[in-house]
Amino acid sequence: MDTVYITGHRNPDTDSIVSSMAYAALKNAIGGRQYKAARLGQVSDETQAVLDRFGFEPPRLISDVRTQVKDLDYDTPPTLSATATISRGWQVMQADKISAIPVANEDGTLYGMLSAGDVANYDMTSVRDPQVQNIPVYNMLSVLEGQILNEGSEMWEEVSGAVTIALPAGRENLLFSDRDTIVVCGDQPDMIRRALELQVNCVLVCQAEVSQDLIEGAGKTCVIATPYDPYRAVRLIHHAQPISSICKARDMVCFHLDDYIDDVQNTVLESRFRSYPILDENERVVGTLSRFHLLRPRRKRVILMDHNERAQSVNGLEQAEILEIVDHHRLADIETKNPIYVRNEPVGSTTTIVGGMYQEKGLMPTAKMAGIMASAIVSDTVMFKSPTCTQRDIDMANRMARIANVSLEDLGRAIFSATSGEDKTVEAMLRTDYKEFHIAGHDLAVSQITCMDSERLLGRKEEFLERMRAIRKERHFNTVVLMITDVLLEGTQLLFVGDEETIRQAFNIKTAENCAFLPKIMSRKKQVIPMLSALWG
């Protein structure tokens, strides 16, 4: 069953991480098994502290949901050893109705590819050039269903030579005369004796018995008996060669399970192979890819939590199938090909919405899960001081705290004390809760740091402003804003670069500096973005 990834936004905060984890647990608890929480960025110190406190590991990190080779219904034909016979390779292709099979080394890594065209080309060549080289004797015995008649006198590993069907004795001008020969004959004692006198490499006796005196005088010649007629025997001798002698083993075009289809399609268009080997992360062969596999690829399936804006979502979202959106932000620009389930509610935390879903399904989260859910609500509502906070957030947080047997006040102090900034770079702090927006033709980034001592972070104001100017230049943004939200002061120290006049006008800032304290401003979602949206129309 294909995995459904439940993912929050880029640079995830605690609410984004926890709501994804809680919703995955809920979906799996009501009958699913394929739902997995994922994250799109590094876990912040705050979130890690919450996860550690309740004994959880961070969700899996993913960076792209573009379709990959592993998402295709590729073929998994038998993989043959390079030492297997051409006969065996042809039988496999005929039995499975395929035109190419991968050839592997002993450790499973790729040796080459054998195609029906390789076999046909070899057959046509062998008509004019009957010479064979170093055929393992065991291969010949296998394809010919043969038996060595003089096994006790000499041990043979390989045979080589020109394959010749012995003609009647009266046609001396057409008889073999070279020791480097494999003589194919029937019930022809004179021919067998002549071949043994010349000490040819091999005598193949078809559908006949050989007298004991001839066998005893065979010397260094390998004498083999087969139930096949001479014509079939000659063809089978050629097919006793190892696959490695004719398969393509150089300049191979192959793909890996993690390769993206965009890249695969371009490579396939530039080549003309019928089938391409697929390798895993250890370079072992796992299947083959043909052009028709690219026509209808299976797309990855995702559920978006705590966001509905393309710029904040995972890379490659246009190639994925969005199944659901659960969010508490404004509706933005994500489009879907089919109708989907969307749940968007005006509450302070997406985890509050997920908690309501648990109640609707008649399920109670575990104590550990309830603990991180209570923490996420406290974090996203800034200890219920954010203007986005609703009574539902407060009630849900209290219910989760009772299940987890924890104090919301203790959770709040632990959460907002995790961001001290003393041993972190300004880049790391800016990226912890960083979001990009595209509003009425304006591109901007708004980062938020929630703490209990904003004065300490303001001591690094110039470092923040310098890095913000660099981000603006790199990303070609109109504006970059940093909110240092102080829980105790119940307000935000606002740092801004770019369209500074617009920021001053939007928040009635009188100072000429790039920093101002905004009392009662706690929410990016409900107070900062709406003000800029209204100003820009």
Protein backbone atom coordinates (compact mmCIF):
# COMPACT_ATOMS: atom_id res chain seq x y z
CA MET A 1 0.00 0.00 0.00
CA ASP A 2 1.45 3.37 -1.04
CA THR A 3 2.48 5.73 1.74
CA VAL A 4 0.46 8.90 2.34
CA TYR A 5 2.73 11.62 3.68
CA ILE A 6 1.21 14.07 6.16
CA THR A 7 3.39 17.14 6.13
CA GLY A 8 3.41 20.60 7.62
CA HIS A 9 5.01 23.67 6.08
CA ARG A 10 8.65 24.46 5.43
CA ASN A 11 10.74 25.57 8.42
CA PRO A 12 8.20 23.82 10.63
CA ASP A 13 7.18 25.09 14.05
CA THR A 14 5.91 22.91 16.89
CA ASP A 15 2.28 23.10 15.75
CA SER A 16 3.21 22.01 12.22
CA ILE A 17 5.23 19.02 13.44
CA VAL A 18 2.83 17.89 16.14
CA SER A 19 -0.38 18.28 14.11
CA SER A 20 1.17 16.09 11.37
CA MET A 21 2.18 13.44 13.90
CA ALA A 22 -1.17 13.49 15.69
CA TYR A 23 -3.19 13.33 12.48
CA ALA A 24 -1.10 10.40 11.16
CA ALA A 25 -1.70 8.56 14.44
CA LEU A 26 -5.44 9.26 14.18
CA LYS A 27 -5.71 8.08 10.55
CA ASN A 28 -3.83 4.87 11.33
CA ALA A 29 -5.90 4.27 14.48
CA ILE A 30 -9.16 4.22 12.51
CA GLY A 31 -8.05 1.61 9.99
CA GLY A 32 -5.25 3.07 7.91
CA ARG A 33 -1.72 1.74 7.88
CA GLN A 34 -0.10 3.86 5.21
CA TYR A 35 -0.14 7.30 6.86
CA LYS A 36 3.22 8.74 7.90
CA ALA A 37 4.07 12.13 9.34
CA ALA A 38 6.84 14.01 7.55
CA ARG A 39 8.65 17.30 7.94
CA LEU A 40 10.10 19.72 5.40
CA GLY A 41 12.88 21.22 7.49
CA GLN A 42 14.98 20.99 10.59
CA VAL A 43 13.30 20.69 13.97
CA SER A 44 13.67 23.80 16.13
CA ASP A 45 15.12 23.71 19.64
CA GLU A 46 11.65 24.35 21.00
CA THR A 47 10.07 21.48 19.09
CA GLN A 48 12.93 19.11 19.92
CA ALA A 49 12.53 19.91 23.60
CA VAL A 50 8.84 19.04 23.39
CA LEU A 51 9.48 15.78 21.55
CA ASP A 52 12.24 14.80 23.98
CA ARG A 53 10.05 15.52 26.98
CA PHE A 54 7.38 13.08 25.82
CA GLY A 55 9.65 10.50 24.17
CA PHE A 56 9.03 11.04 20.45
CA GLU A 57 11.41 11.03 17.49
CA PRO A 58 11.03 13.76 14.85
CA PRO A 59 9.09 12.74 11.73
CA ARG A 60 10.94 11.69 8.60
CA LEU A 61 12.53 14.53 6.65
CA ILE A 62 11.46 14.82 3.01
CA SER A 63 12.50 17.47 0.53
CA ASP A 64 10.63 16.61 -2.65
CA VAL A 65 7.47 14.75 -3.69
CA ARG A 66 8.15 14.65 -7.39
CA THR A 67 7.46 11.27 -8.94
CA GLN A 68 10.43 8.90 -8.72
CA VAL A 69 11.32 5.62 -10.37
CA LYS A 70 10.20 3.75 -7.25
CA ASP A 71 6.69 5.18 -7.79
CA LEU A 72 6.37 3.45 -11.18
CA ASP A 73 4.91 0.02 -11.87
CA TYR A 74 8.23 -1.10 -13.32
CA ASP A 75 8.93 -4.69 -14.37
CA THR A 76 10.70 -7.15 -12.11
CA PRO A 77 11.91 -9.88 -14.50
CA PRO A 78 14.27 -12.64 -13.38
CA THR A 79 17.86 -11.49 -13.07
CA LEU A 80 20.35 -13.97 -14.50
CA SER A 81 23.99 -14.49 -13.64
CA ALA A 82 26.56 -13.42 -16.19
CA THR A 83 27.70 -17.06 -16.26
CA ALA A 84 24.25 -18.45 -17.20
CA THR A 85 23.89 -19.81 -20.73
CA ILE A 86 22.44 -17.94 -23.67
CA SER A 87 19.95 -20.82 -23.90
CA ARG A 88 18.76 -20.11 -20.36
CA GLY A 89 18.43 -16.40 -21.09
CA TRP A 90 16.34 -17.07 -24.20
CA GLN A 91 14.09 -19.50 -22.32
CA VAL A 92 13.43 -16.88 -19.63
CA MET A 93 12.56 -14.20 -22.20
CA GLN A 94 10.21 -16.58 -24.00
CA ALA A 95 8.53 -17.80 -20.81
CA ASP A 96 7.97 -14.27 -19.43
CA LYS A 97 7.21 -12.74 -22.86
CA ILE A 98 9.82 -10.03 -22.41
CA SER A 99 12.43 -8.74 -24.79
CA ALA A 100 15.24 -7.96 -22.35
CA ILE A 101 16.51 -9.16 -18.98
CA PRO A 102 19.13 -7.77 -16.60
CA VAL A 103 22.37 -9.65 -16.06
CA ALA A 104 23.99 -9.47 -12.64
CA ASN A 105 27.28 -10.18 -10.96
CA GLU A 106 27.48 -12.64 -8.10
CA ASP A 107 26.75 -9.88 -5.53
CA GLY A 108 23.63 -8.73 -7.40
CA THR A 109 25.18 -5.62 -8.92
CA LEU A 110 24.63 -4.87 -12.58
CA TYR A 111 26.77 -6.65 -15.19
CA GLY A 112 24.74 -5.83 -18.30
CA MET A 113 21.51 -6.32 -20.24
CA LEU A 114 20.61 -9.21 -22.54
CA SER A 115 18.04 -8.48 -25.24
CA ALA A 116 16.32 -10.63 -27.84
CA GLY A 117 18.21 -8.56 -30.40
CA ASP A 118 21.52 -9.63 -28.87
CA VAL A 119 20.56 -13.30 -29.24
CA ALA A 120 19.31 -12.84 -32.81
CA ASN A 121 22.46 -10.95 -33.83
CA TYR A 122 24.65 -13.66 -32.29
CA ASP A 123 22.70 -16.40 -34.10
CA MET A 124 23.13 -14.71 -37.48
CA THR A 125 26.84 -14.16 -36.85
CA SER A 126 27.40 -17.78 -35.83
CA VAL A 127 26.10 -18.99 -39.22
CA ARG A 128 29.13 -17.48 -40.97
CA ASP A 129 31.54 -17.88 -38.07
CA PRO A 130 31.05 -21.27 -36.37
CA GLN A 131 33.94 -20.67 -33.98
CA VAL A 132 33.19 -20.81 -30.24
CA GLN A 133 35.59 -19.91 -27.45
CA ASN A 134 35.97 -21.24 -23.93
CA ILE A 135 32.55 -22.80 -23.48
CA PRO A 136 32.36 -24.30 -19.99
CA VAL A 137 31.82 -28.05 -20.30
CA TYR A 138 29.08 -27.92 -17.70
CA ASN A 139 27.23 -25.43 -19.90
CA MET A 140 27.39 -27.81 -22.86
CA LEU A 141 26.20 -30.76 -20.81
CA SER A 142 23.29 -28.66 -19.54
CA VAL A 143 21.97 -27.37 -22.86
CA LEU A 144 22.60 -30.66 -24.69
CA GLU A 145 21.34 -32.86 -21.87
CA GLY A 146 24.63 -34.61 -22.48
CA GLN A 147 27.02 -36.98 -20.75
CA ILE A 148 30.81 -37.23 -20.93
CA LEU A 149 31.67 -40.75 -22.08
CA ASN A 150 35.38 -40.73 -21.27
CA GLU A 151 35.14 -38.89 -17.99
CA GLY A 152 37.72 -41.04 -16.23
CA SER A 153 40.63 -40.32 -18.58
CA GLU A 154 40.74 -36.52 -18.53
CA MET A 155 39.03 -33.59 -16.81
CA TRP A 156 37.83 -30.78 -19.06
CA GLU A 157 36.81 -27.31 -17.88
CA GLU A 158 36.23 -25.62 -21.23
CA VAL A 159 36.14 -26.45 -24.94
CA SER A 160 36.81 -24.24 -27.95
CA GLY A 161 36.92 -24.61 -31.70
CA ALA A 162 35.00 -24.47 -34.97
CA VAL A 163 31.76 -26.42 -34.76
CA THR A 164 31.64 -28.93 -37.66
CA ILE A 165 29.07 -31.56 -38.62
CA ALA A 166 31.01 -34.59 -39.88
CA LEU A 167 30.06 -35.60 -43.42
CA PRO A 168 30.17 -39.14 -44.92
CA ALA A 169 33.65 -40.60 -45.38
CA GLY A 170 33.46 -40.38 -49.18
CA ARG A 171 33.58 -36.58 -49.10
CA GLU A 172 37.19 -36.21 -47.99
CA ASN A 173 37.43 -32.65 -49.30
CA LEU A 174 34.77 -31.46 -46.84
CA LEU A 175 36.07 -33.27 -43.77
CA PHE A 176 37.56 -31.54 -40.74
CA SER A 177 41.32 -31.47 -40.50
CA ASP A 178 42.09 -29.08 -37.63
CA ARG A 179 42.57 -30.09 -34.02
CA ASP A 180 40.82 -26.86 -32.91
CA THR A 181 37.46 -28.36 -33.81
CA ILE A 182 34.26 -29.55 -32.17
CA VAL A 183 33.08 -32.48 -34.31
CA VAL A 184 29.37 -33.26 -34.36
CA CYS A 185 28.49 -36.72 -35.72
CA GLY A 186 26.05 -39.61 -35.44
CA ASP A 187 26.51 -43.37 -35.63
CA GLN A 188 29.80 -42.95 -37.56
CA PRO A 189 32.62 -44.98 -35.98
CA ASP A 190 35.08 -44.09 -38.74
CA MET A 191 34.42 -40.37 -38.29
CA ILE A 192 34.80 -40.68 -34.53
CA ARG A 193 38.09 -42.60 -34.98
CA ARG A 194 39.41 -39.97 -37.40
CA ALA A 195 38.50 -37.19 -34.96
CA LEU A 196 40.21 -38.98 -32.10
CA GLU A 197 43.32 -39.58 -34.19
CA LEU A 198 43.50 -35.83 -34.86
CA GLN A 199 42.95 -35.21 -31.13
CA VAL A 200 40.23 -32.64 -31.80
CA ASN A 201 39.01 -30.72 -28.78
CA CYS A 202 35.61 -32.35 -28.58
CA VAL A 203 33.51 -35.02 -30.27
CA LEU A 204 29.74 -34.75 -29.86
CA VAL A 205 27.92 -37.98 -30.67
CA CYS A 206 24.24 -37.46 -31.51
CA GLN A 207 21.62 -40.15 -30.91
CA ALA A 208 24.18 -43.01 -31.08
CA GLU A 209 26.36 -45.23 -28.94
CA VAL A 210 30.16 -45.32 -29.03
CA SER A 211 32.16 -48.53 -28.71
CA GLN A 212 34.28 -49.00 -25.64
CA ASP A 213 37.52 -49.29 -27.61
CA LEU A 214 36.95 -45.83 -29.14
CA ILE A 215 36.22 -44.33 -25.75
CA GLU A 216 39.38 -45.88 -24.29
CA GLY A 217 41.45 -44.41 -27.11
CA ALA A 218 39.99 -40.90 -26.86
CA GLY A 219 43.07 -39.47 -25.17
CA LYS A 220 42.73 -35.71 -24.58
CA THR A 221 39.55 -35.39 -26.65
CA CYS A 222 36.34 -34.80 -24.71
CA VAL A 223 33.64 -37.20 -25.96
CA ILE A 224 30.05 -36.23 -25.19
CA ALA A 225 26.81 -38.05 -26.04
CA THR A 226 23.53 -36.18 -26.58
CA PRO A 227 19.97 -37.25 -27.44
CA TYR A 228 19.59 -34.33 -29.87
CA ASP A 229 20.03 -34.54 -33.64
CA PRO A 230 23.13 -32.87 -35.18
CA TYR A 231 21.33 -29.75 -36.41
CA ARG A 232 19.82 -28.91 -33.03
CA ALA A 233 23.04 -29.88 -31.29
CA VAL A 234 25.03 -27.34 -33.33
CA ARG A 235 22.63 -24.55 -32.44
CA LEU A 236 22.62 -25.54 -28.77
CA ILE A 237 26.43 -25.58 -28.66
CA HIS A 238 26.41 -21.93 -29.63
CA HIS A 239 23.74 -21.27 -27.01
CA ALA A 240 25.92 -22.86 -24.36
CA GLN A 241 28.08 -19.76 -24.35
CA PRO A 242 27.77 -17.63 -21.17
CA ILE A 243 25.46 -14.64 -21.40
CA SER A 244 28.45 -12.42 -20.65
CA SER A 245 29.83 -13.19 -24.14
CA ILE A 246 27.01 -11.42 -26.00
CA CYS A 247 25.11 -9.12 -23.60
CA LYS A 248 25.62 -5.36 -23.54
CA ALA A 249 27.94 -4.51 -20.66
CA ARG A 250 29.45 -1.16 -21.67
CA ASP A 251 28.03 2.35 -21.85
CA MET A 252 24.98 1.17 -19.92
CA VAL A 253 22.13 3.58 -19.24
CA CYS A 254 20.55 2.69 -15.92
CA PHE A 255 18.40 4.39 -13.29
CA HIS A 256 18.08 4.30 -9.53
CA LEU A 257 14.92 3.99 -7.46
CA ASP A 258 15.35 7.56 -6.15
CA ASP A 259 15.79 9.15 -9.60
CA TYR A 260 13.12 11.67 -10.50
CA ILE A 261 10.95 11.00 -13.54
CA ASP A 262 11.72 14.42 -15.02
CA ASP A 263 15.37 13.44 -15.33
CA VAL A 264 14.57 9.88 -16.44
CA GLN A 265 12.34 11.08 -19.28
CA ASN A 266 15.05 13.35 -20.63
CA THR A 267 17.59 10.52 -20.59
CA VAL A 268 15.18 8.08 -22.25
CA LEU A 269 14.44 10.59 -25.02
CA GLU A 270 18.16 10.82 -25.77
CA SER A 271 18.67 7.03 -26.01
CA ARG A 272 17.06 4.19 -27.94
CA PHE A 273 17.20 1.20 -25.65
CA ARG A 274 14.19 -1.06 -25.30
CA SER A 275 14.64 -1.55 -21.57
CA TYR A 276 16.71 0.06 -18.80
CA PRO A 277 17.94 -1.61 -15.60
CA ILE A 278 16.84 -0.16 -12.24
CA LEU A 279 19.22 -0.24 -9.27
CA ASP A 280 18.71 0.25 -5.55
CA GLU A 281 20.88 2.31 -3.20
CA ASN A 282 23.40 -0.55 -3.05
CA GLU A 283 23.67 -0.72 -6.86
CA ARG A 284 21.84 -4.05 -6.93
CA VAL A 285 19.42 -4.79 -9.76
CA VAL A 286 15.75 -4.57 -8.72
CA GLY A 287 13.91 -4.33 -12.07
CA THR A 288 13.70 -2.83 -15.53
CA LEU A 289 12.11 0.29 -16.94
CA SER A 290 10.55 0.70 -20.39
CA ARG A 291 9.12 3.75 -22.11
CA PHE A 292 5.49 2.79 -21.51
CA HIS A 293 6.10 2.84 -17.73
CA LEU A 294 6.54 6.61 -17.99
CA LEU A 295 3.13 7.22 -19.55
CA ARG A 296 0.98 6.84 -16.41
CA PRO A 297 3.17 7.12 -13.32
CA ARG A 298 1.70 6.79 -9.83
CA ARG A 299 1.92 10.10 -8.04
CA LYS A 300 2.90 10.45 -4.41
CA ARG A 301 -0.03 11.18 -2.10
CA VAL A 302 0.11 13.94 0.49
CA ILE A 303 -2.03 15.60 3.16
CA LEU A 304 -1.13 19.22 3.90
CA MET A 305 -1.21 20.32 7.53
CA ASP A 306 -0.97 23.85 8.90
CA HIS A 307 -0.60 25.47 5.48
CA ASN A 308 -2.29 25.81 2.11
CA GLU A 309 0.20 28.00 0.23
CA ARG A 310 2.45 26.60 -2.48
CA ALA A 311 5.47 28.67 -1.45
CA GLN A 312 5.34 27.09 2.02
CA SER A 313 4.77 23.54 0.85
CA VAL A 314 7.02 20.73 -0.29
CA ASN A 315 8.95 20.89 -3.57
CA GLY A 316 7.33 19.02 -6.45
CA LEU A 317 3.80 19.45 -5.08
CA GLU A 318 2.47 19.92 -8.63
CA GLN A 319 3.34 16.27 -9.35
CA ALA A 320 1.76 14.92 -6.17
CA GLU A 321 -1.85 14.04 -5.41
CA ILE A 322 -3.18 16.21 -2.60
CA LEU A 323 -5.77 14.23 -0.61
CA GLU A 324 -6.63 16.65 2.21
CA ILE A 325 -5.82 20.05 3.69
CA VAL A 326 -6.20 20.74 7.41
CA ASP A 327 -5.28 24.30 8.32
CA HIS A 328 -6.08 27.47 10.26
CA HIS A 329 -4.55 30.07 7.93
CA ARG A 330 -6.00 32.21 5.15
CA LEU A 331 -6.82 30.39 1.91
CA ALA A 332 -4.02 30.82 -0.58
CA ASP A 333 -2.97 29.52 -4.00
CA ILE A 334 -2.85 25.71 -3.94
CA GLU A 335 -4.96 24.10 -6.66
CA THR A 336 -6.02 20.47 -6.98
CA LYS A 337 -7.10 18.35 -9.93
CA ASN A 338 -9.98 16.72 -8.03
CA PRO A 339 -12.28 17.68 -5.17
CA ILE A 340 -10.62 17.01 -1.82
CA TYR A 341 -11.41 17.15 1.88
CA VAL A 342 -10.53 20.60 3.27
CA ARG A 343 -10.89 21.58 6.91
CA ASN A 344 -9.98 25.18 7.65
CA GLU A 345 -11.08 26.64 10.97
CA PRO A 346 -10.38 30.02 12.64
CA VAL A 347 -8.53 28.74 15.69
CA GLY A 348 -5.10 29.46 17.08
CA SER A 349 -3.55 26.06 16.40
CA THR A 350 -3.96 23.33 13.80
CA THR A 351 -3.48 20.84 16.63
CA THR A 352 -6.73 22.11 18.13
CA ILE A 353 -8.50 21.03 14.93
CA VAL A 354 -6.86 17.60 15.07
CA GLY A 355 -7.85 17.27 18.72
CA GLY A 356 -11.44 17.91 17.67
CA MET A 357 -11.16 15.14 15.09
CA TYR A 358 -10.10 12.71 17.81
CA GLN A 359 -13.26 13.61 19.71
CA GLU A 360 -15.43 13.22 16.61
CA LYS A 361 -14.02 9.72 16.01
CA GLY A 362 -14.55 8.73 19.64
CA LEU A 363 -10.82 8.23 20.24
CA MET A 364 -8.56 9.43 23.01
CA PRO A 365 -4.90 10.09 22.23
CA THR A 366 -2.28 8.38 24.36
CA ALA A 367 -0.88 10.32 27.30
CA LYS A 368 2.36 10.96 25.40
CA MET A 369 0.53 12.14 22.29
CA ALA A 370 -1.77 14.35 24.39
CA GLY A 371 1.35 15.89 25.95
CA ILE A 372 2.85 17.05 22.66
CA MET A 373 -0.60 18.19 21.45
CA ALA A 374 -1.03 20.39 24.54
CA SER A 375 2.49 21.75 23.97
CA ALA A 376 1.73 22.59 20.34
CA ILE A 377 -1.41 24.54 21.24
CA VAL A 378 0.44 26.47 23.98
CA SER A 379 3.25 27.22 21.50
CA ASP A 380 1.09 28.40 18.61
CA THR A 381 -1.19 30.54 20.79
CA VAL A 382 1.79 31.97 22.74
CA MET A 383 0.41 30.74 26.05
CA PHE A 384 -3.10 31.84 24.95
CA LYS A 385 -1.97 35.47 24.54
CA SER A 386 -2.07 35.51 20.74
CA PRO A 387 -5.09 37.24 19.16
CA THR A 388 -5.60 34.06 17.15
CA CYS A 389 -6.34 32.13 20.35
CA THR A 390 -9.94 31.03 20.85
CA GLN A 391 -11.80 29.40 23.69
CA ARG A 392 -11.62 26.14 21.73
CA ASP A 393 -7.81 26.30 21.89
CA ILE A 394 -7.89 26.84 25.64
CA ASP A 395 -10.41 24.05 26.22
CA MET A 396 -8.53 21.60 24.00
CA ALA A 397 -5.18 22.41 25.60
CA ASN A 398 -6.64 21.84 29.06
CA ARG A 399 -8.19 18.53 27.99
CA MET A 400 -4.90 17.30 26.51
CA ALA A 401 -3.03 18.42 29.65
CA ARG A 402 -5.41 16.41 31.83
CA ILE A 403 -4.87 13.29 29.69
CA ALA A 404 -1.10 13.78 29.80
CA ASN A 405 -1.14 14.80 33.49
CA VAL A 406 0.99 17.90 32.87
CA SER A 407 0.73 21.58 33.76
CA LEU A 408 0.15 24.05 30.95
CA GLU A 409 2.10 26.71 32.86
CA ASP A 410 5.10 24.40 33.15
CA LEU A 411 4.84 23.56 29.45
CA GLY A 412 4.76 27.23 28.53
CA ARG A 413 7.82 28.11 30.57
CA ALA A 414 9.77 25.18 29.12
CA ILE A 415 8.73 25.95 25.55
CA PHE A 416 9.52 29.65 25.48
CA SER A 417 12.73 29.30 27.44
CA ALA A 418 14.13 27.02 24.73
CA THR A 419 14.90 29.98 22.43
CA SER A 420 17.75 31.80 24.10
CA GLY A 421 19.81 32.49 20.98
CA GLU A 422 23.06 32.55 22.91
CA ASP A 423 24.79 29.77 20.99
CA LYS A 424 22.96 29.94 17.66
CA THR A 425 23.71 31.90 14.49
CA VAL A 426 21.30 34.58 13.35
CA GLU A 427 20.78 32.54 10.18
CA ALA A 428 19.62 29.54 12.23
CA MET A 429 17.27 31.68 14.32
CA LEU A 430 15.83 33.45 11.28
CA ARG A 431 15.13 30.12 9.56
CA THR A 432 13.52 28.44 12.58
CA ASP A 433 10.02 29.81 11.89
CA TYR A 434 10.41 31.45 8.50
CA LYS A 435 7.67 31.83 5.90
CA GLU A 436 7.50 33.40 2.45
CA PHE A 437 4.43 35.16 1.09
CA HIS A 438 3.29 36.50 -2.28
CA ILE A 439 0.65 39.19 -1.79
CA ALA A 440 -0.74 41.39 -4.56
CA GLY A 441 2.49 41.29 -6.55
CA HIS A 442 4.69 41.76 -3.50
CA ASP A 443 7.16 39.10 -2.35
CA LEU A 444 8.15 39.07 1.29
CA ALA A 445 9.47 36.85 4.05
CA VAL A 446 8.33 37.01 7.68
CA SER A 447 10.30 35.19 10.37
CA GLN A 448 9.15 34.90 13.98
CA ILE A 449 11.07 34.11 17.16
CA THR A 450 8.97 33.67 20.28
CA CYS A 451 10.86 34.10 23.55
CA MET A 452 10.68 35.36 27.13
CA ASP A 453 13.61 37.80 26.93
CA SER A 454 13.59 39.86 23.74
CA GLU A 455 16.22 42.30 25.04
CA ARG A 456 18.87 39.59 24.84
CA LEU A 457 18.07 38.95 21.16
CA LEU A 458 17.96 42.68 20.39
CA GLY A 459 21.60 42.80 21.42
CA ARG A 460 22.25 41.14 18.05
CA LYS A 461 20.00 43.48 16.07
CA GLU A 462 22.66 44.54 13.58
CA GLU A 463 23.52 40.91 12.84
CA PHE A 464 19.86 40.19 12.18
CA LEU A 465 19.46 43.20 9.88
CA GLU A 466 22.59 42.35 7.93
CA ARG A 467 21.41 38.79 7.29
CA MET A 468 17.90 40.01 6.42
CA ARG A 469 19.32 42.35 3.78
CA ALA A 470 21.29 39.43 2.34
CA ILE A 471 18.14 37.25 2.18
CA ARG A 472 16.25 40.07 0.46
CA LYS A 473 18.97 40.38 -2.17
CA GLU A 474 19.32 36.61 -2.70
CA ARG A 475 15.58 36.01 -3.02
CA HIS A 476 14.72 39.30 -4.79
CA PHE A 477 12.11 40.11 -2.13
CA ASN A 478 10.44 43.45 -1.61
CA THR A 479 10.57 43.13 2.16
CA VAL A 480 11.99 40.90 4.91
CA VAL A 481 10.54 41.14 8.41
CA LEU A 482 11.58 39.59 11.74
CA MET A 483 9.14 39.37 14.64
CA ILE A 484 10.82 38.88 18.03
CA THR A 485 7.69 38.13 20.04
CA ASP A 486 8.09 38.48 23.81
CA VAL A 487 5.62 36.41 25.84
CA LEU A 488 6.15 38.38 29.03
CA LEU A 489 5.94 41.81 27.38
CA GLU A 490 2.96 40.65 25.28
CA GLY A 491 4.28 42.37 22.21
CA THR A 492 6.76 42.11 19.33
CA GLN A 493 10.06 43.76 18.54
CA LEU A 494 9.71 44.24 14.76
CA LEU A 495 12.84 44.36 12.57
CA PHE A 496 12.39 45.10 8.88
CA VAL A 497 14.35 45.82 5.67
CA GLY A 498 13.24 46.61 2.12
CA ASP A 499 9.99 48.52 1.66
CA GLU A 500 10.45 50.25 5.00
CA GLU A 501 7.96 53.04 4.37
CA THR A 502 5.17 50.53 3.81
CA ILE A 503 6.02 48.76 7.10
CA ARG A 504 6.02 52.06 9.03
CA GLN A 505 2.70 53.01 7.49
CA ALA A 506 1.10 49.59 8.12
CA PHE A 507 2.02 49.56 11.83
CA ASN A 508 2.10 53.30 12.53
CA ILE A 509 5.81 53.30 13.33
CA LYS A 510 7.21 56.78 13.97
CA THR A 511 10.90 55.97 14.43
CA ALA A 512 13.30 56.18 11.51
CA GLU A 513 15.13 53.06 12.64
CA ASN A 514 14.58 49.56 11.27
CA CYS A 515 13.25 48.35 14.62
CA ALA A 516 10.16 49.15 16.70
CA PHE A 517 8.23 47.60 19.58
CA LEU A 518 4.61 46.79 18.73
CA PRO A 519 2.53 46.16 21.86
CA LYS A 520 -0.16 43.45 21.66
CA ILE A 521 1.19 42.28 18.28
CA MET A 522 1.72 38.53 18.76
CA SER A 523 0.51 36.84 15.58
CA ARG A 524 2.05 36.81 12.14
CA LYS A 525 -1.04 35.16 10.70
CA LYS A 526 -3.70 37.41 12.19
CA GLN A 527 -1.95 40.75 12.74
CA VAL A 528 1.06 41.16 10.45
CA ILE A 529 0.05 39.51 7.17
CA PRO A 530 -3.53 40.92 7.16
CA MET A 531 -2.21 44.48 7.73
CA LEU A 532 0.14 44.21 4.76
CA SER A 533 -2.51 42.53 2.62
CA ALA A 534 -4.95 45.35 3.30
CA LEU A 535 -2.35 48.00 2.50
CA TRP A 536 -1.30 46.38 -0.75
CA GLY A 537 -4.86 45.64 -1.78
